[in-house]
Structure formats: C-alpha cells, structure tokens
C-alpha atoms as a PDB file:
ATOM      1  CA  MET A   1     -30.731 -30.346  12.433  1.00  0.00           C
ATOM      2  CA  LYS A   2     -30.152 -28.031   9.489  1.00  0.00           C
ATOM      3  CA  LYS A   3     -31.232 -24.675  11.859  1.00  0.00           C
ATOM      4  CA  ASN A   4     -28.843 -25.924  14.328  1.00  0.00           C
ATOM      5  CA  LEU A   5     -26.124 -26.336  11.735  1.00  0.00           C
ATOM      6  CA  ILE A   6     -26.889 -22.906  10.459  1.00  0.00           C
ATOM      7  CA  PHE A   7     -26.982 -21.284  13.807  1.00  0.00           C
ATOM      8  CA  SER A   8     -23.688 -22.581  14.911  1.00  0.00           C
ATOM      9  CA  VAL A   9     -22.088 -21.376  11.640  1.00  0.00           C
ATOM     10  CA  CYS A  10     -23.358 -18.014  12.370  1.00  0.00           C
ATOM     11  CA  LEU A  11     -21.724 -18.118  15.962  1.00  0.00           C
ATOM     12  CA  LEU A  12     -18.815 -19.277  14.579  1.00  0.00           C
ATOM     13  CA  ALA A  13     -18.619 -16.506  11.913  1.00  0.00           C
ATOM     14  CA  LEU A  14     -19.770 -13.959  14.726  1.00  0.00           C
ATOM     15  CA  GLY A  15     -16.900 -15.383  17.230  1.00  0.00           C
ATOM     16  CA  VAL A  16     -14.170 -15.026  14.286  1.00  0.00           C
ATOM     17  CA  SER A  17     -14.867 -11.596  13.162  1.00  0.00           C
ATOM     18  CA  SER A  18     -15.013 -10.544  16.872  1.00  0.00           C
ATOM     19  CA  TYR A  19     -11.783 -11.758  17.327  1.00  0.00           C
ATOM     20  CA  ALA A  20     -10.255 -10.578  14.400  1.00  0.00           C
ATOM     21  CA  SER A  21     -11.406  -7.037  15.033  1.00  0.00           C
ATOM     22  CA  PRO A  22      -8.737  -5.032  16.763  1.00  0.00           C
ATOM     23  CA  SER A  23      -9.551  -2.468  19.820  1.00  0.00           C
ATOM     24  CA  VAL A  24      -7.885   0.455  18.163  1.00  0.00           C
ATOM     25  CA  ASP A  25      -7.270   3.113  20.498  1.00  0.00           C
ATOM     26  CA  ASP A  26      -9.400   6.117  20.089  1.00  0.00           C
ATOM     27  CA  LYS A  27      -6.835   8.856  19.566  1.00  0.00           C
ATOM     28  CA  VAL A  28      -5.173   6.531  16.553  1.00  0.00           C
ATOM     29  CA  ILE A  29      -8.517   6.644  15.099  1.00  0.00           C
ATOM     30  CA  LYS A  30      -8.912  10.190  15.428  1.00  0.00           C
ATOM     31  CA  SER A  31      -5.517  10.999  13.988  1.00  0.00           C
ATOM     32  CA  PHE A  32      -6.428   8.644  10.922  1.00  0.00           C
ATOM     33  CA  LYS A  33     -10.147   9.986  10.230  1.00  0.00           C
ATOM     34  CA  GLU A  34      -8.635  13.777  10.631  1.00  0.00           C
ATOM     35  CA  THR A  35      -6.001  12.877   7.894  1.00  0.00           C
ATOM     36  CA  PHE A  36      -7.978  10.648   5.944  1.00  0.00           C
ATOM     37  CA  PRO A  37     -11.673  11.915   5.981  1.00  0.00           C
ATOM     38  CA  GLY A  38     -12.573  10.215   2.745  1.00  0.00           C
ATOM     39  CA  ALA A  39     -10.956   6.600   3.127  1.00  0.00           C
ATOM     40  CA  GLN A  40     -12.895   3.700   1.787  1.00  0.00           C
ATOM     41  CA  GLU A  41     -12.590  -0.027   2.413  1.00  0.00           C
ATOM     42  CA  VAL A  42     -10.786   0.602   6.084  1.00  0.00           C
ATOM     43  CA  LYS A  43      -9.308  -2.310   7.542  1.00  0.00           C
ATOM     44  CA  TRP A  44      -7.183  -2.333  10.940  1.00  0.00           C
ATOM     45  CA  GLU A  45      -4.696  -4.630  12.418  1.00  0.00           C
ATOM     46  CA  GLU A  46      -3.375  -4.604  15.984  1.00  0.00           C
ATOM     47  CA  PHE A  47      -0.058  -5.807  16.476  1.00  0.00           C
ATOM     48  CA  SER A  48       2.060  -5.673  19.953  1.00  0.00           C
ATOM     49  CA  ASP A  49       3.642  -2.097  19.362  1.00  0.00           C
ATOM     50  CA  ASN A  50       1.578  -0.733  16.872  1.00  0.00           C
ATOM     51  CA  TYR A  51      -1.637  -0.574  14.662  1.00  0.00           C
ATOM     52  CA  VAL A  52      -1.582  -0.868  10.809  1.00  0.00           C
ATOM     53  CA  VAL A  53      -4.739   0.756   8.523  1.00  0.00           C
ATOM     54  CA  ASN A  54      -5.160  -0.310   5.013  1.00  0.00           C
ATOM     55  CA  PHE A  55      -7.502   1.603   2.915  1.00  0.00           C
ATOM     56  CA  VAL A  56      -8.381   3.496  -0.382  1.00  0.00           C
ATOM     57  CA  ASP A  57      -7.994   7.171  -0.354  1.00  0.00           C
ATOM     58  CA  LEU A  58      -8.710   9.044  -3.504  1.00  0.00           C
ATOM     59  CA  GLY A  59      -8.430   5.768  -5.775  1.00  0.00           C
ATOM     60  CA  MET A  60      -4.963   4.952  -3.996  1.00  0.00           C
ATOM     61  CA  ARG A  61      -4.333   1.804  -1.981  1.00  0.00           C
ATOM     62  CA  GLU A  62      -2.618   2.563   1.214  1.00  0.00           C
ATOM     63  CA  ARG A  63      -1.284   0.888   4.314  1.00  0.00           C
ATOM     64  CA  ILE A  64      -0.073   3.163   7.221  1.00  0.00           C
ATOM     65  CA  SER A  65       1.368   2.351  10.508  1.00  0.00           C
ATOM     66  CA  TYR A  66       0.902   4.133  13.909  1.00  0.00           C
ATOM     67  CA  ASP A  67       2.266   3.482  17.194  1.00  0.00           C
ATOM     68  CA  LYS A  68       0.148   3.215  20.289  1.00  0.00           C
ATOM     69  CA  GLU A  69      -0.306   6.713  21.046  1.00  0.00           C
ATOM     70  CA  GLY A  70      -1.419   7.615  17.280  1.00  0.00           C
ATOM     71  CA  ASN A  71       1.966   8.807  15.723  1.00  0.00           C
ATOM     72  CA  PHE A  72       2.925   8.100  12.038  1.00  0.00           C
ATOM     73  CA  ILE A  73       5.578   5.513  11.646  1.00  0.00           C
ATOM     74  CA  ASN A  74       5.442   4.726   7.832  1.00  0.00           C
ATOM     75  CA  ALA A  75       3.052   4.758   5.017  1.00  0.00           C
ATOM     76  CA  THR A  76       3.182   2.338   1.747  1.00  0.00           C
ATOM     77  CA  ARG A  77       1.100   3.614  -1.351  1.00  0.00           C
ATOM     78  CA  TYR A  78       0.085   1.838  -4.540  1.00  0.00           C
ATOM     79  CA  TYR A  79      -0.469   3.670  -7.640  1.00  0.00           C
ATOM     80  CA  ASN A  80       0.040   4.231 -11.463  1.00  0.00           C
ATOM     81  CA  GLU A  81       2.275   6.664 -13.016  1.00  0.00           C
ATOM     82  CA  GLY A  82      -0.354   9.628 -12.646  1.00  0.00           C
ATOM     83  CA  HIS A  83       0.480   9.933  -9.011  1.00  0.00           C
ATOM     84  CA  LEU A  84       4.497  10.041  -9.512  1.00  0.00           C
ATOM     85  CA  PRO A  85       6.273  13.485  -8.364  1.00  0.00           C
ATOM     86  CA  LEU A  86       6.824  15.157 -12.207  1.00  0.00           C
ATOM     87  CA  ASN A  87      10.676  15.267 -11.617  1.00  0.00           C
ATOM     88  CA  ILE A  88      10.618  11.467 -11.614  1.00  0.00           C
ATOM     89  CA  LEU A  89       8.320  10.980 -14.412  1.00  0.00           C
ATOM     90  CA  PHE A  90      10.353  13.256 -16.751  1.00  0.00           C
ATOM     91  CA  ARG A  91      13.325  11.513 -15.629  1.00  0.00           C
ATOM     92  CA  LEU A  92      11.726   8.176 -16.233  1.00  0.00           C
ATOM     93  CA  ARG A  93      10.391   9.127 -19.833  1.00  0.00           C
ATOM     94  CA  LYS A  94      13.678  10.691 -20.632  1.00  0.00           C
ATOM     95  CA  LYS A  95      15.750   7.520 -19.703  1.00  0.00           C
ATOM     96  CA  TYR A  96      13.496   4.534 -20.324  1.00  0.00           C
ATOM     97  CA  PRO A  97      11.692   6.032 -23.338  1.00  0.00           C
ATOM     98  CA  THR A  98      10.308   2.624 -24.719  1.00  0.00           C
ATOM     99  CA  GLN A  99       9.120   1.388 -21.085  1.00  0.00           C
ATOM    100  CA  LYS A 100       5.751   1.712 -19.940  1.00  0.00           C
ATOM    101  CA  ILE A 101       5.042   2.306 -15.951  1.00  0.00           C
ATOM    102  CA  PHE A 102       3.154  -0.743 -14.800  1.00  0.00           C
ATOM    103  CA  GLY A 103       3.004   0.479 -11.141  1.00  0.00           C
ATOM    104  CA  VAL A 104       4.420   2.212  -8.403  1.00  0.00           C
ATOM    105  CA  THR A 105       5.005   1.341  -4.632  1.00  0.00           C
ATOM    106  CA  GLU A 106       5.572   4.482  -2.422  1.00  0.00           C
ATOM    107  CA  ILE A 107       7.360   3.781   1.044  1.00  0.00           C
ATOM    108  CA  GLU A 108       7.240   6.794   3.231  1.00  0.00           C
ATOM    109  CA  SER A 109       8.794   6.977   6.794  1.00  0.00           C
ATOM    110  CA  ASP A 110       9.849  10.354   8.988  1.00  0.00           C
ATOM    111  CA  VAL A 111      12.974  10.608   7.135  1.00  0.00           C
ATOM    112  CA  THR A 112      12.490   9.416   3.534  1.00  0.00           C
ATOM    113  CA  ILE A 113      10.411   8.666   0.557  1.00  0.00           C
ATOM    114  CA  GLU A 114      11.272   5.832  -1.532  1.00  0.00           C
ATOM    115  CA  TYR A 115       9.653   5.105  -4.960  1.00  0.00           C
ATOM    116  CA  TYR A 116       9.726   1.541  -6.675  1.00  0.00           C
ATOM    117  CA  ILE A 117       8.632   1.837 -10.094  1.00  0.00           C
ATOM    118  CA  LYS A 118       7.856  -1.552 -12.240  1.00  0.00           C
ATOM    119  CA  LEU A 119       8.741  -0.788 -16.095  1.00  0.00           C
ATOM    120  CA  GLU A 120       7.673  -3.225 -18.597  1.00  0.00           C
ATOM    121  CA  ASP A 121       8.159  -3.691 -22.290  1.00  0.00           C
ATOM    122  CA  ASP A 122       7.693  -6.661 -24.592  1.00  0.00           C
ATOM    123  CA  ASN A 123      10.691  -8.663 -23.239  1.00  0.00           C
ATOM    124  CA  ASN A 124      11.425  -7.084 -19.713  1.00  0.00           C
ATOM    125  CA  TRP A 125      10.434  -6.323 -16.363  1.00  0.00           C
ATOM    126  CA  ILE A 126      12.608  -3.854 -14.496  1.00  0.00           C
ATOM    127  CA  THR A 127      12.333  -2.548 -10.855  1.00  0.00           C
ATOM    128  CA  LEU A 128      13.656   0.948 -10.184  1.00  0.00           C
ATOM    129  CA  LYS A 129      14.106   2.715  -6.951  1.00  0.00           C
ATOM    130  CA  SER A 130      14.241   6.403  -6.929  1.00  0.00           C
ATOM    131  CA  ASP A 131      14.587   9.120  -4.113  1.00  0.00           C
ATOM    132  CA  ASN A 132      12.633  12.621  -4.364  1.00  0.00           C
ATOM    133  CA  GLY A 133      15.482  13.796  -6.248  1.00  0.00           C
ATOM    134  CA  ALA A 134      14.778  11.194  -9.156  1.00  0.00           C
ATOM    135  CA  ASN A 135      18.043   9.295  -8.637  1.00  0.00           C
ATOM    136  CA  LEU A 136      17.221   6.240 -10.570  1.00  0.00           C
ATOM    137  CA  GLN A 137      18.783   2.823  -9.426  1.00  0.00           C
ATOM    138  CA  VAL A 138      18.051  -0.474 -11.179  1.00  0.00           C
ATOM    139  CA  ILE A 139      16.837  -3.031  -8.376  1.00  0.00           C
ATOM    140  CA  GLU A 140      16.148  -5.971 -10.491  1.00  0.00           C
ATOM    141  CA  LYS A 141      15.797  -7.037 -14.221  1.00  0.00           C
ATOM    142  CA  TYR A 142      14.165 -10.112 -15.409  1.00  0.00           C
ATOM    143  CA  LYS A 143      13.057 -11.303 -18.893  1.00  0.00           C
ATOM    144  CA  LYS A 144       9.636 -11.998 -19.803  1.00  0.00           C
ATOM    145  CA  ALA A 145       8.647 -15.739 -20.183  1.00  0.00           C
ATOM    146  CA  GLU A 146       8.290 -16.572 -24.390  1.00  0.00           C
ATOM    147  CA  GLU A 147       4.641 -17.411 -25.064  1.00  0.00           C
ATOM    148  CA  LYS A 148       4.549 -20.760 -26.723  1.00  0.00           C
END
C-alpha cells in the first residue's frame, strides 16, 4: 500500500512539473543565453504572447520578458545601492544624507529606465522614482510602526 502511495505521489509530481515547464522557443533561449551566459536559478514562464525568465546574474535578481520571436520587451532588476548609476547615488547622498538605501528596483523598456529606490531611517520609509538624469520624485512615504 505504501509503495502504491509513493508511486502515485511521484507520478503526480512528475505530471505537475511537466505541465508547469513551458516549451520555450529555441530562438528565445538562444537570445537569453547569449546575453546572460552566467545566469543561475533560471526559471521560465510562458504566456499567450510572451515568455518571462527569472534568474540571478552577477548576484542580481532579474526578470526579463521576451516576445515569441525572442525580442526584448522589458526587464526588472532588484539590487542594492552598489549597482545604482553614480549620478543617482551622488544625488541621493546629497538630498537624503541621513537615509539608508534599503533596495532598488530598476525597470527597463525599449524607451526608458526607471529606478525605484527604497530609503529608510529610524522613523520613515520613502520610495523615490528616478530617471537616468537623477531627477528624483517621492512616490510614497510611510512612518514606521513604533515598537512596543
């Protein structure tokens, strides 16, 4: 009885992993591998009109969308302050000298790159949006909950 149960669970797991694994077009995979030869933790998703790949490259978590022909649509990267362009980093340090950079989300398309920077201090969380020109805009600001 236990053998049948284990066998059934294995078959179910195999069936689920086969179903969840998309059939990504070879030209899309080739495009990805040429651009990111050192990518790790690569996971593909297939949608009706595009493919999305999540991975880690050079210590940075990334998510890239390709159309069905393998053309770049957009990318999202998550990283710390060390990967921010210097002009943005200098502007942040000057304008928010007491804030610590908690993390950065970079969104790139064919046309633009936007940076969403999460800052914190002892009392506040601030999210800023920046373009390549280091034009900073406050998107949201929250007070941290007081510890009891």
